[in-house]
N, C-alpha and C. Protein backbone atom coordinates (compact mmCIF):
# COMPACT_ATOMS: atom_id res chain seq x y z
N GLY A 1 -3.01 -7.53 -17.86
CA GLY A 1 -1.94 -7.82 -16.94
C GLY A 1 -2.09 -7.07 -15.65
N SER A 2 -1.22 -7.35 -14.73
CA SER A 2 -1.25 -6.63 -13.46
C SER A 2 0.17 -6.31 -13.04
N LEU A 3 0.29 -5.33 -12.19
CA LEU A 3 1.56 -4.86 -11.70
C LEU A 3 1.62 -5.17 -10.21
N ALA A 4 2.71 -5.70 -9.74
CA ALA A 4 2.84 -5.98 -8.31
C ALA A 4 3.43 -4.75 -7.65
N LEU A 5 2.72 -4.21 -6.68
CA LEU A 5 3.19 -3.05 -5.94
C LEU A 5 3.58 -3.47 -4.54
N ARG A 6 4.65 -2.92 -4.07
CA ARG A 6 5.13 -3.25 -2.75
C ARG A 6 4.53 -2.26 -1.76
N GLY A 7 3.80 -2.77 -0.80
CA GLY A 7 3.17 -1.93 0.20
C GLY A 7 4.11 -1.61 1.34
N ALA A 8 3.62 -0.84 2.29
CA ALA A 8 4.42 -0.44 3.43
C ALA A 8 4.90 -1.64 4.24
N SER A 9 4.11 -2.70 4.23
CA SER A 9 4.49 -3.89 5.00
C SER A 9 5.46 -4.78 4.24
N GLY A 10 5.81 -4.39 2.99
CA GLY A 10 6.76 -5.15 2.22
C GLY A 10 6.14 -6.26 1.40
N ASP A 11 4.82 -6.42 1.49
CA ASP A 11 4.19 -7.48 0.72
C ASP A 11 3.92 -7.02 -0.70
N PHE A 12 3.84 -7.98 -1.60
CA PHE A 12 3.54 -7.69 -2.99
C PHE A 12 2.14 -8.21 -3.27
N SER A 13 1.33 -7.38 -3.88
CA SER A 13 0.00 -7.82 -4.24
C SER A 13 -0.35 -7.28 -5.61
N PRO A 14 -1.12 -8.03 -6.37
CA PRO A 14 -1.44 -7.58 -7.72
C PRO A 14 -2.36 -6.37 -7.70
N VAL A 15 -2.06 -5.43 -8.57
CA VAL A 15 -2.86 -4.22 -8.72
C VAL A 15 -3.21 -4.11 -10.19
N PRO A 16 -4.47 -3.84 -10.51
CA PRO A 16 -4.82 -3.71 -11.92
C PRO A 16 -4.00 -2.62 -12.59
N ARG A 17 -3.46 -2.89 -13.77
CA ARG A 17 -2.63 -1.93 -14.48
C ARG A 17 -3.36 -0.62 -14.72
N ALA A 18 -4.65 -0.68 -14.99
CA ALA A 18 -5.40 0.54 -15.27
C ALA A 18 -5.43 1.48 -14.07
N ALA A 19 -5.17 0.95 -12.88
CA ALA A 19 -5.26 1.76 -11.68
C ALA A 19 -3.98 2.53 -11.40
N VAL A 20 -2.90 2.26 -12.14
CA VAL A 20 -1.61 2.86 -11.83
C VAL A 20 -1.06 3.57 -13.05
N ASP A 21 -0.40 4.69 -12.82
CA ASP A 21 0.28 5.44 -13.89
C ASP A 21 1.59 4.71 -14.18
N ASP A 22 1.59 3.91 -15.25
CA ASP A 22 2.75 3.05 -15.56
C ASP A 22 4.04 3.84 -15.74
N ASP A 23 3.96 4.96 -16.47
CA ASP A 23 5.17 5.76 -16.71
C ASP A 23 5.72 6.33 -15.42
N LEU A 24 4.84 6.83 -14.58
CA LEU A 24 5.30 7.40 -13.31
C LEU A 24 5.86 6.30 -12.41
N GLU A 25 5.24 5.14 -12.42
CA GLU A 25 5.73 4.00 -11.63
C GLU A 25 7.14 3.63 -12.07
N LEU A 26 7.36 3.59 -13.38
CA LEU A 26 8.68 3.28 -13.92
C LEU A 26 9.70 4.34 -13.52
N PHE A 27 9.30 5.61 -13.62
CA PHE A 27 10.20 6.69 -13.25
C PHE A 27 10.58 6.61 -11.77
N LEU A 28 9.61 6.35 -10.90
CA LEU A 28 9.89 6.28 -9.47
C LEU A 28 10.78 5.08 -9.14
N ALA A 29 10.68 4.03 -9.92
CA ALA A 29 11.50 2.84 -9.68
C ALA A 29 12.92 3.01 -10.20
N ARG A 30 13.09 3.74 -11.31
CA ARG A 30 14.39 3.81 -11.97
C ARG A 30 15.06 5.17 -11.94
N GLY A 31 14.31 6.22 -11.70
CA GLY A 31 14.88 7.56 -11.82
C GLY A 31 15.09 7.88 -13.29
N LEU A 32 16.13 8.58 -13.62
CA LEU A 32 16.38 8.96 -15.01
C LEU A 32 17.26 7.96 -15.76
N SER A 33 17.74 6.92 -15.07
CA SER A 33 18.65 5.98 -15.72
C SER A 33 17.91 4.76 -16.26
N GLY A 34 17.81 4.70 -17.58
CA GLY A 34 17.18 3.56 -18.23
C GLY A 34 18.23 2.58 -18.70
N THR A 35 17.80 1.37 -19.01
CA THR A 35 18.75 0.35 -19.47
C THR A 35 19.05 0.50 -20.96
N THR A 36 18.19 1.20 -21.68
CA THR A 36 18.42 1.45 -23.10
C THR A 36 18.23 2.93 -23.37
N ALA A 37 18.66 3.36 -24.54
CA ALA A 37 18.51 4.76 -24.91
C ALA A 37 17.02 5.13 -25.00
N SER A 38 16.21 4.21 -25.52
CA SER A 38 14.78 4.52 -25.64
C SER A 38 14.11 4.62 -24.27
N MET A 39 14.55 3.76 -23.33
CA MET A 39 13.98 3.85 -21.98
C MET A 39 14.42 5.14 -21.30
N SER A 40 15.68 5.52 -21.47
CA SER A 40 16.17 6.77 -20.89
C SER A 40 15.39 7.96 -21.46
N ALA A 41 15.09 7.92 -22.76
CA ALA A 41 14.31 8.99 -23.38
C ALA A 41 12.90 9.02 -22.81
N ARG A 42 12.31 7.84 -22.61
CA ARG A 42 10.96 7.74 -22.03
C ARG A 42 10.94 8.30 -20.62
N LEU A 43 11.97 7.96 -19.83
CA LEU A 43 12.05 8.45 -18.45
C LEU A 43 12.25 9.96 -18.41
N ALA A 44 13.04 10.48 -19.33
CA ALA A 44 13.25 11.93 -19.40
C ALA A 44 11.95 12.64 -19.75
N LYS A 45 11.14 12.05 -20.62
CA LYS A 45 9.85 12.63 -20.99
C LYS A 45 8.91 12.64 -19.78
N VAL A 46 8.91 11.55 -19.02
CA VAL A 46 8.09 11.49 -17.81
C VAL A 46 8.52 12.58 -16.84
N PHE A 47 9.82 12.72 -16.65
CA PHE A 47 10.34 13.75 -15.74
C PHE A 47 9.93 15.14 -16.19
N ALA A 48 9.96 15.39 -17.49
CA ALA A 48 9.63 16.72 -18.03
C ALA A 48 8.15 17.05 -17.82
N THR A 49 7.31 16.02 -17.74
CA THR A 49 5.87 16.26 -17.57
C THR A 49 5.40 16.04 -16.13
N LEU A 50 6.33 15.80 -15.24
CA LEU A 50 6.00 15.54 -13.85
C LEU A 50 5.53 16.82 -13.17
N THR A 51 4.36 16.75 -12.57
CA THR A 51 3.80 17.90 -11.85
C THR A 51 3.36 17.45 -10.46
N PRO A 52 3.23 18.40 -9.54
CA PRO A 52 2.71 18.03 -8.22
C PRO A 52 1.32 17.39 -8.30
N MET A 53 0.50 17.86 -9.24
CA MET A 53 -0.85 17.30 -9.39
C MET A 53 -0.78 15.83 -9.83
N ARG A 54 0.12 15.51 -10.73
CA ARG A 54 0.26 14.13 -11.19
C ARG A 54 0.74 13.23 -10.05
N MET A 55 1.69 13.71 -9.27
CA MET A 55 2.17 12.93 -8.12
C MET A 55 1.05 12.73 -7.10
N ALA A 56 0.27 13.78 -6.87
CA ALA A 56 -0.83 13.68 -5.91
C ALA A 56 -1.86 12.66 -6.37
N GLU A 57 -2.19 12.68 -7.67
CA GLU A 57 -3.15 11.71 -8.20
C GLU A 57 -2.61 10.29 -8.09
N TYR A 58 -1.34 10.12 -8.37
CA TYR A 58 -0.69 8.80 -8.25
C TYR A 58 -0.81 8.28 -6.82
N HIS A 59 -0.52 9.13 -5.85
CA HIS A 59 -0.59 8.71 -4.45
C HIS A 59 -2.03 8.47 -4.00
N ARG A 60 -2.98 9.25 -4.53
CA ARG A 60 -4.39 8.98 -4.23
C ARG A 60 -4.80 7.61 -4.74
N GLN A 61 -4.35 7.27 -5.95
CA GLN A 61 -4.68 5.96 -6.51
C GLN A 61 -4.10 4.84 -5.65
N LEU A 62 -2.86 5.00 -5.23
CA LEU A 62 -2.25 3.97 -4.38
C LEU A 62 -2.97 3.87 -3.04
N ALA A 63 -3.39 5.01 -2.49
CA ALA A 63 -4.12 5.00 -1.22
C ALA A 63 -5.46 4.28 -1.38
N ARG A 64 -6.17 4.55 -2.47
CA ARG A 64 -7.46 3.87 -2.71
C ARG A 64 -7.27 2.37 -2.82
N ILE A 65 -6.23 1.96 -3.53
CA ILE A 65 -5.94 0.54 -3.69
C ILE A 65 -5.63 -0.08 -2.33
N GLY A 66 -4.85 0.61 -1.52
CA GLY A 66 -4.51 0.10 -0.19
C GLY A 66 -5.72 -0.02 0.72
N VAL A 67 -6.60 0.98 0.69
CA VAL A 67 -7.81 0.95 1.51
C VAL A 67 -8.71 -0.20 1.07
N ALA A 68 -8.85 -0.40 -0.22
CA ALA A 68 -9.68 -1.50 -0.73
C ALA A 68 -9.14 -2.84 -0.26
N ARG A 69 -7.81 -2.99 -0.28
CA ARG A 69 -7.19 -4.25 0.17
C ARG A 69 -7.42 -4.46 1.67
N VAL A 70 -7.26 -3.42 2.46
CA VAL A 70 -7.45 -3.54 3.90
C VAL A 70 -8.91 -3.88 4.22
N ARG A 71 -9.84 -3.23 3.53
CA ARG A 71 -11.26 -3.53 3.77
C ARG A 71 -11.58 -4.98 3.42
N ARG A 72 -11.04 -5.46 2.29
CA ARG A 72 -11.28 -6.85 1.88
C ARG A 72 -10.72 -7.81 2.93
N ASP A 73 -9.48 -7.56 3.36
CA ASP A 73 -8.87 -8.42 4.38
C ASP A 73 -9.65 -8.37 5.69
N PHE A 74 -10.10 -7.19 6.08
CA PHE A 74 -10.87 -7.04 7.31
C PHE A 74 -12.16 -7.85 7.23
N ARG A 75 -12.87 -7.75 6.10
CA ARG A 75 -14.13 -8.50 5.96
C ARG A 75 -13.89 -10.00 6.05
N GLN A 76 -12.78 -10.48 5.48
CA GLN A 76 -12.48 -11.91 5.55
C GLN A 76 -12.23 -12.35 6.99
N HIS A 77 -11.44 -11.60 7.72
CA HIS A 77 -11.15 -11.95 9.11
C HIS A 77 -12.39 -11.78 9.99
N LEU A 78 -13.16 -10.76 9.69
CA LEU A 78 -14.37 -10.51 10.46
C LEU A 78 -15.37 -11.65 10.31
N ALA A 79 -15.51 -12.16 9.10
CA ALA A 79 -16.45 -13.25 8.86
C ALA A 79 -16.07 -14.48 9.68
N ALA A 80 -14.80 -14.82 9.70
CA ALA A 80 -14.35 -15.98 10.48
C ALA A 80 -14.57 -15.75 11.97
N LEU A 81 -14.26 -14.57 12.44
CA LEU A 81 -14.44 -14.24 13.85
C LEU A 81 -15.92 -14.28 14.24
N GLN A 82 -16.77 -13.72 13.37
CA GLN A 82 -18.19 -13.74 13.66
C GLN A 82 -18.75 -15.16 13.74
N ARG A 83 -18.32 -16.02 12.84
CA ARG A 83 -18.78 -17.42 12.89
C ARG A 83 -18.43 -18.06 14.23
N ASN A 84 -17.21 -17.85 14.67
CA ASN A 84 -16.78 -18.45 15.94
C ASN A 84 -17.53 -17.84 17.13
N LEU A 85 -17.71 -16.54 17.11
CA LEU A 85 -18.41 -15.89 18.22
C LEU A 85 -19.89 -16.25 18.25
N GLU A 86 -20.51 -16.40 17.07
CA GLU A 86 -21.92 -16.79 17.02
C GLU A 86 -22.11 -18.19 17.61
N ALA A 87 -21.16 -19.08 17.37
CA ALA A 87 -21.25 -20.42 17.95
C ALA A 87 -21.16 -20.34 19.47
N MET A 88 -20.31 -19.45 19.98
CA MET A 88 -20.18 -19.29 21.43
C MET A 88 -21.39 -18.57 22.01
N ALA A 89 -21.95 -17.62 21.27
CA ALA A 89 -23.08 -16.85 21.78
C ALA A 89 -24.33 -17.71 21.94
N GLN A 90 -24.43 -18.79 21.19
CA GLN A 90 -25.59 -19.67 21.31
C GLN A 90 -25.63 -20.36 22.67
N SER A 91 -24.49 -20.41 23.33
CA SER A 91 -24.46 -21.03 24.67
C SER A 91 -24.58 -19.95 25.75
N ASP A 92 -25.27 -18.87 25.41
CA ASP A 92 -25.54 -17.77 26.35
C ASP A 92 -24.28 -17.12 26.91
N CYS A 93 -23.30 -16.93 26.08
CA CYS A 93 -22.08 -16.24 26.51
C CYS A 93 -22.29 -14.74 26.27
N ALA A 94 -22.41 -13.98 27.34
CA ALA A 94 -22.68 -12.54 27.25
C ALA A 94 -21.53 -11.80 26.56
N LEU A 95 -20.31 -12.23 26.83
CA LEU A 95 -19.15 -11.57 26.22
C LEU A 95 -19.18 -11.71 24.70
N SER A 96 -19.47 -12.90 24.22
CA SER A 96 -19.56 -13.14 22.77
C SER A 96 -20.64 -12.27 22.14
N ALA A 97 -21.78 -12.19 22.79
CA ALA A 97 -22.88 -11.39 22.26
C ALA A 97 -22.49 -9.91 22.21
N ALA A 98 -21.81 -9.43 23.24
CA ALA A 98 -21.39 -8.03 23.27
C ALA A 98 -20.36 -7.74 22.18
N VAL A 99 -19.40 -8.63 22.03
CA VAL A 99 -18.36 -8.45 21.00
C VAL A 99 -19.00 -8.48 19.62
N LEU A 100 -19.94 -9.38 19.39
CA LEU A 100 -20.63 -9.45 18.10
C LEU A 100 -21.35 -8.14 17.80
N GLY A 101 -22.00 -7.58 18.80
CA GLY A 101 -22.68 -6.29 18.62
C GLY A 101 -21.73 -5.19 18.21
N HIS A 102 -20.58 -5.14 18.86
CA HIS A 102 -19.58 -4.12 18.53
C HIS A 102 -18.99 -4.35 17.14
N LEU A 103 -18.76 -5.61 16.79
CA LEU A 103 -18.23 -5.91 15.46
C LEU A 103 -19.21 -5.51 14.36
N ARG A 104 -20.49 -5.65 14.62
CA ARG A 104 -21.49 -5.24 13.62
C ARG A 104 -21.44 -3.72 13.42
N GLU A 105 -21.20 -2.98 14.49
CA GLU A 105 -21.06 -1.52 14.36
C GLU A 105 -19.84 -1.17 13.54
N VAL A 106 -18.72 -1.84 13.81
CA VAL A 106 -17.49 -1.57 13.07
C VAL A 106 -17.65 -1.92 11.60
N GLU A 107 -18.34 -3.02 11.34
CA GLU A 107 -18.56 -3.49 9.97
C GLU A 107 -19.32 -2.46 9.15
N GLN A 108 -20.21 -1.73 9.77
CA GLN A 108 -21.02 -0.75 9.04
C GLN A 108 -20.31 0.58 8.85
N PHE A 109 -19.14 0.75 9.41
CA PHE A 109 -18.39 2.01 9.31
C PHE A 109 -17.91 2.27 7.92
């Protein structure tokens, strides 16, 4: 399965469950108030084991996921842009050729 995480832009995108600390995600979404006694007990256990290191690891995981998504989106947009610029560059457009050169540098970053 996958978990939908809401990013800073408000969009929801699927994230592999293995990439996220499910208990911590639940705690951050609900706090200590569960809908059942067993959920409340689970949330209390998460709170009792919450450490700065665990929070830091959770945020690192979310950051990695976000960077991977941005890189994927960038590559998709870059490919479309490059196709259009290459078509223009064939007609000896110096601007297109210069932009393509710069985009290749950015792509390798």
